[in-house]
PDB file of all heavy atoms in Angstrom:
ATOM      1  N   SER A   1      -7.137  -2.297   5.377  1.00  0.00           N
ATOM      2  CA  SER A   1      -6.808  -2.378   6.693  1.00  0.00           C
ATOM      3  C   SER A   1      -6.875  -0.841   7.276  1.00  0.00           C
ATOM      4  O   SER A   1      -6.668   0.073   6.471  1.00  0.00           O
ATOM      5  CB  SER A   1      -5.416  -2.844   6.908  1.00  0.00           C
ATOM      6  OG  SER A   1      -4.928  -2.611   8.255  1.00  0.00           O
ATOM      7  N   THR A   2      -7.049  -0.694   8.468  1.00  0.00           N
ATOM      8  CA  THR A   2      -7.272   0.638   9.042  1.00  0.00           C
ATOM      9  C   THR A   2      -5.851   1.132   9.594  1.00  0.00           C
ATOM     10  O   THR A   2      -5.756   2.359   9.968  1.00  0.00           O
ATOM     11  CB  THR A   2      -8.143   0.673  10.157  1.00  0.00           C
ATOM     12  OG1 THR A   2      -7.902  -0.252  11.108  1.00  0.00           O
ATOM     13  CG2 THR A   2      -9.634   0.384   9.633  1.00  0.00           C
ATOM     14  N   ARG A   3      -4.748   0.322   9.680  1.00  0.00           N
ATOM     15  CA  ARG A   3      -3.525   0.773  10.278  1.00  0.00           C
ATOM     16  C   ARG A   3      -2.419   0.787   9.308  1.00  0.00           C
ATOM     17  O   ARG A   3      -2.246   0.122   8.379  1.00  0.00           O
ATOM     18  CB  ARG A   3      -3.155  -0.422  11.374  1.00  0.00           C
ATOM     19  CG  ARG A   3      -4.076  -0.337  12.566  1.00  0.00           C
ATOM     20  CD  ARG A   3      -3.510  -1.113  13.752  1.00  0.00           C
ATOM     21  NE  ARG A   3      -2.211  -0.641  14.134  1.00  0.00           N
ATOM     22  CZ  ARG A   3      -1.543  -1.236  15.093  1.00  0.00           C
ATOM     23  NH1 ARG A   3      -1.942  -2.433  15.655  1.00  0.00           N
ATOM     24  NH2 ARG A   3      -0.397  -0.741  15.385  1.00  0.00           N
ATOM     25  N   PHE A   4      -1.635   1.882   9.506  1.00  0.00           N
ATOM     26  CA  PHE A   4      -0.322   2.134   8.956  1.00  0.00           C
ATOM     27  C   PHE A   4       0.784   1.325   9.590  1.00  0.00           C
ATOM     28  O   PHE A   4       0.924   1.385  10.729  1.00  0.00           O
ATOM     29  CB  PHE A   4       0.025   3.552   8.906  1.00  0.00           C
ATOM     30  CG  PHE A   4       1.363   3.925   8.298  1.00  0.00           C
ATOM     31  CD1 PHE A   4       1.529   4.174   6.885  1.00  0.00           C
ATOM     32  CD2 PHE A   4       2.503   3.913   9.086  1.00  0.00           C
ATOM     33  CE1 PHE A   4       2.798   4.426   6.490  1.00  0.00           C
ATOM     34  CE2 PHE A   4       3.762   4.146   8.688  1.00  0.00           C
ATOM     35  CZ  PHE A   4       3.880   4.485   7.248  1.00  0.00           C
ATOM     36  N   TYR A   5       1.473   0.643   8.694  1.00  0.00           N
ATOM     37  CA  TYR A   5       2.719  -0.081   9.279  1.00  0.00           C
ATOM     38  C   TYR A   5       3.923   0.315   8.450  1.00  0.00           C
ATOM     39  O   TYR A   5       3.951   0.302   7.205  1.00  0.00           O
ATOM     40  CB  TYR A   5       2.650  -1.606   9.170  1.00  0.00           C
ATOM     41  CG  TYR A   5       1.539  -2.193  10.024  1.00  0.00           C
ATOM     42  CD1 TYR A   5       0.255  -2.513   9.371  1.00  0.00           C
ATOM     43  CD2 TYR A   5       1.757  -2.362  11.339  1.00  0.00           C
ATOM     44  CE1 TYR A   5      -0.666  -2.984  10.189  1.00  0.00           C
ATOM     45  CE2 TYR A   5       0.762  -3.034  12.148  1.00  0.00           C
ATOM     46  CZ  TYR A   5      -0.402  -3.232  11.555  1.00  0.00           C
ATOM     47  OH  TYR A   5      -1.370  -3.857  12.316  1.00  0.00           O
ATOM     48  N   GLN A   6       5.046   0.819   9.027  1.00  0.00           N
ATOM     49  CA  GLN A   6       6.237   1.269   8.357  1.00  0.00           C
ATOM     50  C   GLN A   6       6.816   0.162   7.590  1.00  0.00           C
ATOM     51  O   GLN A   6       7.391   0.225   6.517  1.00  0.00           O
ATOM     52  CB  GLN A   6       7.312   1.967   9.309  1.00  0.00           C
ATOM     53  CG  GLN A   6       8.484   2.553   8.625  1.00  0.00           C
ATOM     54  CD  GLN A   6       8.110   3.559   7.536  1.00  0.00           C
ATOM     55  OE1 GLN A   6       7.367   4.445   7.852  1.00  0.00           O
ATOM     56  NE2 GLN A   6       8.691   3.358   6.295  1.00  0.00           N
ATOM     57  N   THR A   7       6.787  -1.084   8.169  1.00  0.00           N
ATOM     58  CA  THR A   7       7.312  -2.293   7.478  1.00  0.00           C
ATOM     59  C   THR A   7       6.589  -2.583   6.200  1.00  0.00           C
ATOM     60  O   THR A   7       7.162  -3.081   5.235  1.00  0.00           O
ATOM     61  CB  THR A   7       7.171  -3.455   8.491  1.00  0.00           C
ATOM     62  OG1 THR A   7       5.752  -3.471   9.033  1.00  0.00           O
ATOM     63  CG2 THR A   7       8.131  -3.425   9.604  1.00  0.00           C
ATOM     64  N   ALA A   8       5.233  -2.233   6.095  1.00  0.00           N
ATOM     65  CA  ALA A   8       4.525  -2.428   4.959  1.00  0.00           C
ATOM     66  C   ALA A   8       4.899  -1.461   3.883  1.00  0.00           C
ATOM     67  O   ALA A   8       5.079  -1.699   2.682  1.00  0.00           O
ATOM     68  CB  ALA A   8       3.078  -2.381   5.217  1.00  0.00           C
ATOM     69  N   GLN A   9       5.121  -0.193   4.299  1.00  0.00           N
ATOM     70  CA  GLN A   9       5.538   0.893   3.475  1.00  0.00           C
ATOM     71  C   GLN A   9       6.899   0.480   2.881  1.00  0.00           C
ATOM     72  O   GLN A   9       7.232   0.651   1.758  1.00  0.00           O
ATOM     73  CB  GLN A   9       5.663   2.235   4.176  1.00  0.00           C
ATOM     74  CG  GLN A   9       6.131   3.352   3.316  1.00  0.00           C
ATOM     75  CD  GLN A   9       5.190   3.674   2.170  1.00  0.00           C
ATOM     76  OE1 GLN A   9       3.992   4.141   2.386  1.00  0.00           O
ATOM     77  NE2 GLN A   9       5.585   3.336   0.871  1.00  0.00           N
ATOM     78  N   ASP A  10       7.766   0.005   3.702  1.00  0.00           N
ATOM     79  CA  ASP A  10       9.128  -0.429   3.274  1.00  0.00           C
ATOM     80  C   ASP A  10       9.013  -1.496   2.161  1.00  0.00           C
ATOM     81  O   ASP A  10       9.842  -1.529   1.231  1.00  0.00           O
ATOM     82  CB  ASP A  10       9.959  -0.960   4.399  1.00  0.00           C
ATOM     83  CG  ASP A  10      10.290   0.143   5.380  1.00  0.00           C
ATOM     84  OD1 ASP A  10      10.213   1.334   5.099  1.00  0.00           O
ATOM     85  OD2 ASP A  10      10.666  -0.187   6.635  1.00  0.00           O
ATOM     86  N   ALA A  11       8.064  -2.411   2.407  1.00  0.00           N
ATOM     87  CA  ALA A  11       7.823  -3.479   1.354  1.00  0.00           C
ATOM     88  C   ALA A  11       7.405  -2.922   0.089  1.00  0.00           C
ATOM     89  O   ALA A  11       7.902  -3.310  -1.013  1.00  0.00           O
ATOM     90  CB  ALA A  11       6.852  -4.593   1.896  1.00  0.00           C
ATOM     91  N   ILE A  12       6.478  -1.981   0.115  1.00  0.00           N
ATOM     92  CA  ILE A  12       5.984  -1.344  -1.067  1.00  0.00           C
ATOM     93  C   ILE A  12       7.039  -0.607  -1.788  1.00  0.00           C
ATOM     94  O   ILE A  12       7.222  -0.611  -2.955  1.00  0.00           O
ATOM     95  CB  ILE A  12       4.757  -0.430  -0.720  1.00  0.00           C
ATOM     96  CG1 ILE A  12       3.591  -1.298  -0.474  1.00  0.00           C
ATOM     97  CG2 ILE A  12       4.538   0.535  -1.962  1.00  0.00           C
ATOM     98  CD1 ILE A  12       2.373  -0.562   0.144  1.00  0.00           C
ATOM     99  N   ASP A  13       7.939   0.136  -0.977  1.00  0.00           N
ATOM    100  CA  ASP A  13       8.992   0.877  -1.666  1.00  0.00           C
ATOM    101  C   ASP A  13       9.993  -0.222  -2.382  1.00  0.00           C
ATOM    102  O   ASP A  13      10.506   0.116  -3.501  1.00  0.00           O
ATOM    103  CB  ASP A  13       9.802   1.585  -0.564  1.00  0.00           C
ATOM    104  CG  ASP A  13       9.012   2.771   0.033  1.00  0.00           C
ATOM    105  OD1 ASP A  13       7.991   3.183  -0.678  1.00  0.00           O
ATOM    106  OD2 ASP A  13       9.446   3.199   1.139  1.00  0.00           O
ATOM    107  N   GLU A  14      10.203  -1.414  -1.789  1.00  0.00           N
ATOM    108  CA  GLU A  14      11.042  -2.318  -2.360  1.00  0.00           C
ATOM    109  C   GLU A  14      10.500  -2.660  -3.722  1.00  0.00           C
ATOM    110  O   GLU A  14      11.117  -2.854  -4.785  1.00  0.00           O
ATOM    111  CB  GLU A  14      11.400  -3.516  -1.527  1.00  0.00           C
ATOM    112  CG  GLU A  14      12.169  -4.613  -2.220  1.00  0.00           C
ATOM    113  CD  GLU A  14      12.314  -5.875  -1.406  1.00  0.00           C
ATOM    114  OE1 GLU A  14      12.401  -5.816  -0.079  1.00  0.00           O
ATOM    115  OE2 GLU A  14      12.363  -6.941  -2.021  1.00  0.00           O
ATOM    116  N   MET A  15       9.154  -3.044  -3.659  1.00  0.00           N
ATOM    117  CA  MET A  15       8.398  -3.485  -4.914  1.00  0.00           C
ATOM    118  C   MET A  15       8.395  -2.436  -6.031  1.00  0.00           C
ATOM    119  O   MET A  15       8.707  -2.755  -7.190  1.00  0.00           O
ATOM    120  CB  MET A  15       7.001  -3.857  -4.527  1.00  0.00           C
ATOM    121  CG  MET A  15       6.880  -5.176  -3.799  1.00  0.00           C
ATOM    122  SD  MET A  15       5.147  -5.704  -3.348  1.00  0.00           S
ATOM    123  CE  MET A  15       4.754  -4.737  -1.980  1.00  0.00           C
ATOM    124  N   TYR A  16       8.330  -1.226  -5.561  1.00  0.00           N
ATOM    125  CA  TYR A  16       8.285  -0.046  -6.589  1.00  0.00           C
ATOM    126  C   TYR A  16       9.724  -0.026  -7.201  1.00  0.00           C
ATOM    127  O   TYR A  16       9.849   0.074  -8.503  1.00  0.00           O
ATOM    128  CB  TYR A  16       8.035   1.198  -5.937  1.00  0.00           C
ATOM    129  CG  TYR A  16       7.892   2.454  -6.823  1.00  0.00           C
ATOM    130  CD1 TYR A  16       6.705   2.592  -7.429  1.00  0.00           C
ATOM    131  CD2 TYR A  16       8.888   3.381  -6.880  1.00  0.00           C
ATOM    132  CE1 TYR A  16       6.538   3.821  -8.264  1.00  0.00           C
ATOM    133  CE2 TYR A  16       8.816   4.408  -7.796  1.00  0.00           C
ATOM    134  CZ  TYR A  16       7.633   4.654  -8.404  1.00  0.00           C
ATOM    135  OH  TYR A  16       7.448   5.688  -9.276  1.00  0.00           O
ATOM    136  N   ASN A  17      10.688  -0.193  -6.428  1.00  0.00           N
ATOM    137  CA  ASN A  17      12.064  -0.209  -6.909  1.00  0.00           C
ATOM    138  C   ASN A  17      12.306  -1.480  -7.851  1.00  0.00           C
ATOM    139  O   ASN A  17      13.189  -1.464  -8.635  1.00  0.00           O
ATOM    140  CB  ASN A  17      13.145  -0.229  -5.831  1.00  0.00           C
ATOM    141  CG  ASN A  17      13.086   1.238  -5.118  1.00  0.00           C
ATOM    142  OD1 ASN A  17      12.859   2.216  -5.691  1.00  0.00           O
ATOM    143  ND2 ASN A  17      13.453   1.162  -3.856  1.00  0.00           N
ATOM    144  N   ASN A  18      11.677  -2.556  -7.590  1.00  0.00           N
ATOM    145  CA  ASN A  18      11.695  -3.731  -8.391  1.00  0.00           C
ATOM    146  C   ASN A  18      10.966  -3.468  -9.855  1.00  0.00           C
ATOM    147  O   ASN A  18      11.131  -4.336 -10.642  1.00  0.00           O
ATOM    148  CB  ASN A  18      10.988  -4.968  -7.693  1.00  0.00           C
ATOM    149  CG  ASN A  18      11.699  -5.455  -6.586  1.00  0.00           C
ATOM    150  OD1 ASN A  18      12.914  -5.160  -6.323  1.00  0.00           O
ATOM    151  ND2 ASN A  18      11.047  -6.290  -5.829  1.00  0.00           N
ATOM    152  N   GLY A  19      10.276  -2.397  -9.903  1.00  0.00           N
ATOM    153  CA  GLY A  19       9.360  -2.185 -11.094  1.00  0.00           C
ATOM    154  C   GLY A  19       8.003  -2.726 -11.086  1.00  0.00           C
ATOM    155  O   GLY A  19       7.408  -2.982 -12.024  1.00  0.00           O
ATOM    156  N   THR A  20       7.501  -2.837  -9.724  1.00  0.00           N
ATOM    157  CA  THR A  20       6.048  -3.342  -9.627  1.00  0.00           C
ATOM    158  C   THR A  20       5.267  -2.287  -8.949  1.00  0.00           C
ATOM    159  O   THR A  20       5.525  -1.568  -8.026  1.00  0.00           O
ATOM    160  CB  THR A  20       6.070  -4.459  -8.639  1.00  0.00           C
ATOM    161  OG1 THR A  20       6.947  -5.547  -9.122  1.00  0.00           O
ATOM    162  CG2 THR A  20       4.652  -5.109  -8.476  1.00  0.00           C
ATOM    163  N   ILE A  21       4.070  -2.098  -9.718  1.00  0.00           N
ATOM    164  CA  ILE A  21       3.138  -1.132  -9.323  1.00  0.00           C
ATOM    165  C   ILE A  21       2.025  -1.787  -8.424  1.00  0.00           C
ATOM    166  O   ILE A  21       1.441  -2.834  -8.795  1.00  0.00           O
ATOM    167  CB  ILE A  21       2.371  -0.379 -10.398  1.00  0.00           C
ATOM    168  CG1 ILE A  21       3.386   0.274 -11.392  1.00  0.00           C
ATOM    169  CG2 ILE A  21       1.341   0.706  -9.944  1.00  0.00           C
ATOM    170  CD1 ILE A  21       4.055   1.456 -10.801  1.00  0.00           C
ATOM    171  N   ILE A  22       1.710  -1.245  -7.252  1.00  0.00           N
ATOM    172  CA  ILE A  22       0.521  -1.771  -6.399  1.00  0.00           C
ATOM    173  C   ILE A  22      -0.640  -0.871  -6.636  1.00  0.00           C
ATOM    174  O   ILE A  22      -0.595   0.294  -6.652  1.00  0.00           O
ATOM    175  CB  ILE A  22       0.959  -1.728  -4.983  1.00  0.00           C
ATOM    176  CG1 ILE A  22       2.288  -2.552  -4.690  1.00  0.00           C
ATOM    177  CG2 ILE A  22      -0.238  -2.389  -4.117  1.00  0.00           C
ATOM    178  CD1 ILE A  22       2.228  -3.961  -5.137  1.00  0.00           C
ATOM    179  N   VAL A  23      -1.775  -1.554  -6.888  1.00  0.00           N
ATOM    180  CA  VAL A  23      -3.097  -0.910  -7.100  1.00  0.00           C
ATOM    181  C   VAL A  23      -4.055  -1.375  -6.018  1.00  0.00           C
ATOM    182  O   VAL A  23      -4.145  -2.567  -5.785  1.00  0.00           O
ATOM    183  CB  VAL A  23      -3.678  -1.043  -8.485  1.00  0.00           C
ATOM    184  CG1 VAL A  23      -5.092  -0.357  -8.620  1.00  0.00           C
ATOM    185  CG2 VAL A  23      -2.728  -0.666  -9.555  1.00  0.00           C
ATOM    186  N   ALA A  24      -4.663  -0.425  -5.340  1.00  0.00           N
ATOM    187  CA  ALA A  24      -5.570  -0.801  -4.226  1.00  0.00           C
ATOM    188  C   ALA A  24      -6.886  -0.131  -4.192  1.00  0.00           C
ATOM    189  O   ALA A  24      -6.886   1.024  -4.635  1.00  0.00           O
ATOM    190  CB  ALA A  24      -4.831  -0.674  -2.854  1.00  0.00           C
ATOM    191  N   ALA A  25      -8.020  -0.729  -3.774  1.00  0.00           N
ATOM    192  CA  ALA A  25      -9.186  -0.149  -3.488  1.00  0.00           C
ATOM    193  C   ALA A  25      -9.139   0.773  -2.352  1.00  0.00           C
ATOM    194  O   ALA A  25      -8.530   0.439  -1.330  1.00  0.00           O
ATOM    195  CB  ALA A  25     -10.236  -1.211  -3.294  1.00  0.00           C
ATOM    196  N   ALA A  26      -9.744   2.035  -2.469  1.00  0.00           N
ATOM    197  CA  ALA A  26      -9.719   3.015  -1.473  1.00  0.00           C
ATOM    198  C   ALA A  26     -10.462   2.588  -0.154  1.00  0.00           C
ATOM    199  O   ALA A  26     -10.069   3.058   0.871  1.00  0.00           O
ATOM    200  CB  ALA A  26     -10.139   4.370  -2.000  1.00  0.00           C
ATOM    201  N   GLY A  27     -11.585   1.940  -0.420  1.00  0.00           N
ATOM    202  CA  GLY A  27     -12.446   1.558   0.770  1.00  0.00           C
ATOM    203  C   GLY A  27     -13.911   1.767   0.456  1.00  0.00           C
ATOM    204  O   GLY A  27     -14.252   2.487  -0.410  1.00  0.00           O
ATOM    205  N   ASN A  28     -14.751   1.198   1.260  1.00  0.00           N
ATOM    206  CA  ASN A  28     -16.253   1.241   1.079  1.00  0.00           C
ATOM    207  C   ASN A  28     -16.917   2.294   2.066  1.00  0.00           C
ATOM    208  O   ASN A  28     -18.057   2.601   1.724  1.00  0.00           O
ATOM    209  CB  ASN A  28     -16.839  -0.063   1.102  1.00  0.00           C
ATOM    210  CG  ASN A  28     -16.340  -0.957  -0.069  1.00  0.00           C
ATOM    211  OD1 ASN A  28     -15.995  -0.533  -1.104  1.00  0.00           O
ATOM    212  ND2 ASN A  28     -16.492  -2.234   0.289  1.00  0.00           N
ATOM    213  N   ALA A  29     -16.302   2.607   3.080  1.00  0.00           N
ATOM    214  CA  ALA A  29     -16.997   3.508   3.971  1.00  0.00           C
ATOM    215  C   ALA A  29     -17.412   4.856   3.285  1.00  0.00           C
ATOM    216  O   ALA A  29     -16.566   5.530   2.640  1.00  0.00           O
ATOM    217  CB  ALA A  29     -16.040   3.842   5.196  1.00  0.00           C
ATOM    218  N   ASP A  30     -18.582   5.275   3.525  1.00  0.00           N
ATOM    219  CA  ASP A  30     -19.121   6.432   2.724  1.00  0.00           C
ATOM    220  C   ASP A  30     -18.709   7.810   3.323  1.00  0.00           C
ATOM    221  O   ASP A  30     -18.312   7.845   4.513  1.00  0.00           O
ATOM    222  CB  ASP A  30     -20.578   6.273   2.498  1.00  0.00           C
ATOM    223  CG  ASP A  30     -21.389   6.482   3.797  1.00  0.00           C
ATOM    224  OD1 ASP A  30     -21.417   7.673   4.298  1.00  0.00           O
ATOM    225  OD2 ASP A  30     -21.924   5.428   4.250  1.00  0.00           O
ATOM    226  N   TRP A  31     -18.955   8.847   2.519  1.00  0.00           N
ATOM    227  CA  TRP A  31     -18.491  10.173   2.938  1.00  0.00           C
ATOM    228  C   TRP A  31     -19.194  10.614   4.314  1.00  0.00           C
ATOM    229  O   TRP A  31     -18.569  11.388   5.110  1.00  0.00           O
ATOM    230  CB  TRP A  31     -18.718  11.211   1.873  1.00  0.00           C
ATOM    231  CG  TRP A  31     -18.210  12.538   2.218  1.00  0.00           C
ATOM    232  CD1 TRP A  31     -18.826  13.616   2.787  1.00  0.00           C
ATOM    233  CD2 TRP A  31     -16.894  13.066   1.852  1.00  0.00           C
ATOM    234  NE1 TRP A  31     -18.074  14.693   2.966  1.00  0.00           N
ATOM    235  CE2 TRP A  31     -16.878  14.368   2.348  1.00  0.00           C
ATOM    236  CE3 TRP A  31     -15.809  12.526   1.251  1.00  0.00           C
ATOM    237  CZ2 TRP A  31     -15.790  15.159   2.231  1.00  0.00           C
ATOM    238  CZ3 TRP A  31     -14.695  13.253   1.097  1.00  0.00           C
ATOM    239  CH2 TRP A  31     -14.602  14.655   1.607  1.00  0.00           C
TER     240      TRP A  31
END
């Protein structure tokens, strides 16, 4: 996605504290 959401960051922080790692693809748009 192209947009940052603080609510999504909060969810990721909760998952990290749960002991879960999120791995994501950086994107396909070229340099």
